[in-house]
Every structure is written in structure tokens, then in C-alpha cells.
C-alpha atoms as a PDB file:
ATOM      1  CA  MET A   1      -8.502  12.395 -24.121  1.00  0.00           C
ATOM      2  CA  LYS A   2      -6.815   9.524 -22.356  1.00  0.00           C
ATOM      3  CA  ALA A   3      -3.478   8.433 -23.761  1.00  0.00           C
ATOM      4  CA  ARG A   4      -3.195   4.797 -24.711  1.00  0.00           C
ATOM      5  CA  ARG A   5      -0.142   3.052 -26.004  1.00  0.00           C
ATOM      6  CA  ILE A   6       0.570  -0.568 -26.821  1.00  0.00           C
ATOM      7  CA  ILE A   7       4.103  -1.866 -27.128  1.00  0.00           C
ATOM      8  CA  ILE A   8       4.817  -5.369 -28.315  1.00  0.00           C
ATOM      9  CA  GLY A   9       7.946  -6.698 -26.684  1.00  0.00           C
ATOM     10  CA  PRO A  10       9.600 -10.063 -26.906  1.00  0.00           C
ATOM     11  CA  GLY A  11       7.572 -12.817 -25.292  1.00  0.00           C
ATOM     12  CA  ASN A  12      10.401 -13.825 -22.980  1.00  0.00           C
ATOM     13  CA  GLU A  13      10.749 -10.389 -21.353  1.00  0.00           C
ATOM     14  CA  SER A  14       8.866  -9.012 -18.361  1.00  0.00           C
ATOM     15  CA  ASP A  15       6.298  -6.299 -19.089  1.00  0.00           C
ATOM     16  CA  TYR A  16       7.751  -3.731 -16.725  1.00  0.00           C
ATOM     17  CA  LYS A  17      10.888  -3.390 -18.860  1.00  0.00           C
ATOM     18  CA  GLN A  18       8.760  -1.487 -21.402  1.00  0.00           C
ATOM     19  CA  ALA A  19       7.213   0.709 -18.688  1.00  0.00           C
ATOM     20  CA  LEU A  20       9.227   3.851 -19.440  1.00  0.00           C
ATOM     21  CA  GLU A  21       8.458   3.551 -23.134  1.00  0.00           C
ATOM     22  CA  LEU A  22       4.744   3.440 -22.291  1.00  0.00           C
ATOM     23  CA  VAL A  23       4.737   6.767 -20.427  1.00  0.00           C
ATOM     24  CA  LYS A  24       7.363   8.740 -22.312  1.00  0.00           C
ATOM     25  CA  ASP A  25       6.222  11.801 -24.249  1.00  0.00           C
ATOM     26  CA  ILE A  26       2.919  11.954 -22.362  1.00  0.00           C
ATOM     27  CA  LYS A  27       2.008  13.708 -19.131  1.00  0.00           C
ATOM     28  CA  PRO A  28      -0.279  11.285 -17.312  1.00  0.00           C
ATOM     29  CA  GLU A  29      -2.203  12.357 -14.217  1.00  0.00           C
ATOM     30  CA  THR A  30      -2.714   8.752 -13.169  1.00  0.00           C
ATOM     31  CA  VAL A  31      -0.722   5.608 -13.819  1.00  0.00           C
ATOM     32  CA  MET A  32      -2.446   2.333 -12.930  1.00  0.00           C
ATOM     33  CA  ALA A  33      -0.666  -0.992 -13.089  1.00  0.00           C
ATOM     34  CA  ASP A  34      -0.468  -4.267 -11.229  1.00  0.00           C
ATOM     35  CA  TRP A  35       2.211  -5.098  -8.682  1.00  0.00           C
ATOM     36  CA  GLY A  36       4.490  -6.369 -11.457  1.00  0.00           C
ATOM     37  CA  TYR A  37       5.324  -2.721 -12.174  1.00  0.00           C
ATOM     38  CA  ASP A  38       6.331  -2.063  -8.566  1.00  0.00           C
ATOM     39  CA  VAL A  39      10.016  -1.329  -9.159  1.00  0.00           C
ATOM     40  CA  ASP A  40      11.830   1.619  -7.592  1.00  0.00           C
ATOM     41  CA  TRP A  41      13.223   3.103 -10.809  1.00  0.00           C
ATOM     42  CA  PHE A  42       9.764   3.244 -12.408  1.00  0.00           C
ATOM     43  CA  ILE A  43       8.072   4.733  -9.339  1.00  0.00           C
ATOM     44  CA  ASP A  44      10.887   7.317  -9.010  1.00  0.00           C
ATOM     45  CA  THR A  45      10.491   8.230 -12.687  1.00  0.00           C
ATOM     46  CA  LEU A  46       6.739   8.718 -12.258  1.00  0.00           C
ATOM     47  CA  ILE A  47       7.345  10.942  -9.239  1.00  0.00           C
ATOM     48  CA  ALA A  48       9.900  12.966 -11.235  1.00  0.00           C
ATOM     49  CA  MET A  49       7.288  13.303 -14.025  1.00  0.00           C
ATOM     50  CA  GLU A  50       4.947  14.764 -11.367  1.00  0.00           C
ATOM     51  CA  VAL A  51       2.309  12.069 -11.799  1.00  0.00           C
ATOM     52  CA  THR A  52      -0.308  12.961  -9.206  1.00  0.00           C
ATOM     53  CA  ASN A  53      -1.893   9.543  -8.743  1.00  0.00           C
ATOM     54  CA  ILE A  54       0.290   6.429  -8.846  1.00  0.00           C
ATOM     55  CA  VAL A  55      -1.948   3.396  -8.437  1.00  0.00           C
ATOM     56  CA  ILE A  56       0.531   0.520  -8.323  1.00  0.00           C
ATOM     57  CA  PRO A  57       0.177  -1.801  -5.331  1.00  0.00           C
ATOM     58  CA  SER A  58       3.337  -2.766  -3.493  1.00  0.00           C
ATOM     59  CA  ARG A  59       4.791  -6.237  -3.739  1.00  0.00           C
ATOM     60  CA  SER A  60       4.312  -8.297  -0.597  1.00  0.00           C
ATOM     61  CA  SER A  61       8.097  -8.451  -0.123  1.00  0.00           C
ATOM     62  CA  ARG A  62       8.400  -4.650   0.232  1.00  0.00           C
ATOM     63  CA  LYS A  63       9.327  -3.549   3.731  1.00  0.00           C
ATOM     64  CA  VAL A  64       7.388  -0.300   3.412  1.00  0.00           C
ATOM     65  CA  GLN A  65       4.059  -0.775   1.649  1.00  0.00           C
ATOM     66  CA  ARG A  66       2.845   2.153  -0.454  1.00  0.00           C
ATOM     67  CA  ILE A  67      -0.702   3.382   0.121  1.00  0.00           C
ATOM     68  CA  ILE A  68      -2.843   3.427  -3.009  1.00  0.00           C
ATOM     69  CA  ASP A  69      -6.343   4.613  -3.847  1.00  0.00           C
ATOM     70  CA  GLU A  70      -8.290   1.343  -3.583  1.00  0.00           C
ATOM     71  CA  GLU A  71     -11.380   2.715  -5.345  1.00  0.00           C
ATOM     72  CA  HIS A  72      -9.252   3.846  -8.271  1.00  0.00           C
ATOM     73  CA  TYR A  73      -7.480   0.493  -8.400  1.00  0.00           C
ATOM     74  CA  LYS A  74     -10.803  -1.322  -8.735  1.00  0.00           C
ATOM     75  CA  GLN A  75     -11.212   0.316 -12.158  1.00  0.00           C
ATOM     76  CA  ARG A  76      -8.397  -1.910 -13.452  1.00  0.00           C
ATOM     77  CA  ASN A  77     -10.940  -4.712 -13.817  1.00  0.00           C
ATOM     78  CA  LYS A  78     -12.090  -3.118 -17.085  1.00  0.00           C
ATOM     79  CA  VAL A  79      -8.604  -3.560 -18.511  1.00  0.00           C
ATOM     80  CA  GLU A  80      -8.359  -7.107 -17.172  1.00  0.00           C
ATOM     81  CA  ARG A  81     -11.724  -8.027 -18.704  1.00  0.00           C
ATOM     82  CA  PHE A  82     -10.643  -6.567 -22.043  1.00  0.00           C
ATOM     83  CA  PHE A  83      -7.461  -8.664 -22.122  1.00  0.00           C
ATOM     84  CA  SER A  84      -9.472 -11.708 -21.115  1.00  0.00           C
ATOM     85  CA  ARG A  85     -11.758 -11.147 -24.119  1.00  0.00           C
ATOM     86  CA  LEU A  86      -8.765 -10.539 -26.362  1.00  0.00           C
ATOM     87  CA  LYS A  87      -7.289 -13.891 -25.344  1.00  0.00           C
ATOM     88  CA  ASN A  88     -10.429 -15.571 -26.684  1.00  0.00           C
ATOM     89  CA  TRP A  89      -9.011 -14.833 -30.124  1.00  0.00           C
ATOM     90  CA  ARG A  90      -6.736 -17.839 -30.521  1.00  0.00           C
ATOM     91  CA  ARG A  91      -4.573 -16.105 -33.094  1.00  0.00           C
ATOM     92  CA  VAL A  92      -3.779 -13.356 -30.580  1.00  0.00           C
ATOM     93  CA  ALA A  93      -3.437 -15.599 -27.517  1.00  0.00           C
ATOM     94  CA  THR A  94      -0.908 -17.904 -29.197  1.00  0.00           C
ATOM     95  CA  ARG A  95       0.710 -15.225 -31.384  1.00  0.00           C
ATOM     96  CA  TYR A  96       0.519 -17.112 -34.663  1.00  0.00           C
ATOM     97  CA  ASP A  97       1.859 -14.119 -36.562  1.00  0.00           C
ATOM     98  CA  LYS A  98       5.634 -14.126 -36.857  1.00  0.00           C
ATOM     99  CA  THR A  99       6.118 -10.383 -37.274  1.00  0.00           C
ATOM    100  CA  ALA A 100       5.242  -7.741 -34.684  1.00  0.00           C
ATOM    101  CA  ARG A 101       3.585  -5.651 -37.405  1.00  0.00           C
ATOM    102  CA  ASN A 102       1.117  -8.384 -38.351  1.00  0.00           C
ATOM    103  CA  PHE A 103       0.472  -9.335 -34.729  1.00  0.00           C
ATOM    104  CA  ASN A 104      -0.183  -5.716 -33.793  1.00  0.00           C
ATOM    105  CA  ALA A 105      -2.519  -5.267 -36.767  1.00  0.00           C
ATOM    106  CA  PHE A 106      -4.601  -8.315 -35.887  1.00  0.00           C
ATOM    107  CA  ALA A 107      -4.658  -7.435 -32.185  1.00  0.00           C
ATOM    108  CA  ALA A 108      -5.913  -3.948 -33.111  1.00  0.00           C
ATOM    109  CA  LEU A 109      -8.616  -5.483 -35.321  1.00  0.00           C
ATOM    110  CA  ALA A 110      -9.694  -7.844 -32.538  1.00  0.00           C
ATOM    111  CA  ALA A 111      -9.713  -4.935 -30.045  1.00  0.00           C
ATOM    112  CA  ALA A 112     -11.901  -2.863 -32.366  1.00  0.00           C
ATOM    113  CA  ILE A 113     -14.383  -5.724 -32.738  1.00  0.00           C
ATOM    114  CA  ILE A 114     -14.456  -6.296 -28.970  1.00  0.00           C
ATOM    115  CA  ASN A 115     -15.000  -2.573 -28.376  1.00  0.00           C
ATOM    116  CA  PHE A 116     -17.801  -2.485 -30.945  1.00  0.00           C
ATOM    117  CA  THR A 117     -19.601  -5.526 -29.525  1.00  0.00           C
ATOM    118  CA  VAL A 118     -19.292  -4.344 -25.916  1.00  0.00           C
ATOM    119  CA  ASN A 119     -20.553  -0.847 -26.721  1.00  0.00           C
ATOM    120  CA  ALA A 120     -23.347  -2.126 -28.999  1.00  0.00           C
ATOM    121  CA  ALA A 121     -24.853  -4.297 -26.271  1.00  0.00           C
END
């Protein structure tokens, strides 16, 4: 079974600051993320966790570009399409809910409906 974890952080904080929280207590074989997660401390942590396949492209400003599995990276489009569909739910896209608990609950409901409609087609 693939591990999945969603963490709702403050809207004014970069996603990568929650990166360690996303992978703690699990032993992933592969970690895929966009170049926003290309920070040394996170990559070093993944290496220390013995992650066998780190699929995080290097930022263009890096002097030494990391080589990634391009075919594996193409699979990220499924995640991107899911978030695109999730943003069609105005309540999720604009975060009408004031509490993280309510926002998370509605986002989970919307995700379940999206999953059902995609798999039913």
C-alpha cells in the first residue's frame, strides 16, 4: 500500500517546510516532488532514510544538477491533475472554512467524490 499524507499548513508558508512531517514515520522507496522541494536538508534527510528513488528535479540555480528518472517524474501529472480538479471546488480553492479541521474534512469529501467520478468513468 502506498503511504499518503496530507498536512494543512498556514497559507503564507512554503510547502517544503512541511516536507519532513510528510515523510516521517514511513519508509518510502520513492519520493516525488517538484523543484520547490529541492533543498539540501530535505534531500540529505531522504538519503539518510535510505530512500532508493528521489525524483525531485534540481532548481535551475543549482551548480550541480541532480539526475532524476524522467519516466518516473512524468507520473506526477496524475497528482497535478487531481489538484487541478480539486481547485474546481470553490470552497476548497478559496479556503472558506476558518478551521483546519473543517477545511480538511471538506477537502477529503471533495477528493473522495473526484476519485469516485474518475474511477467510475
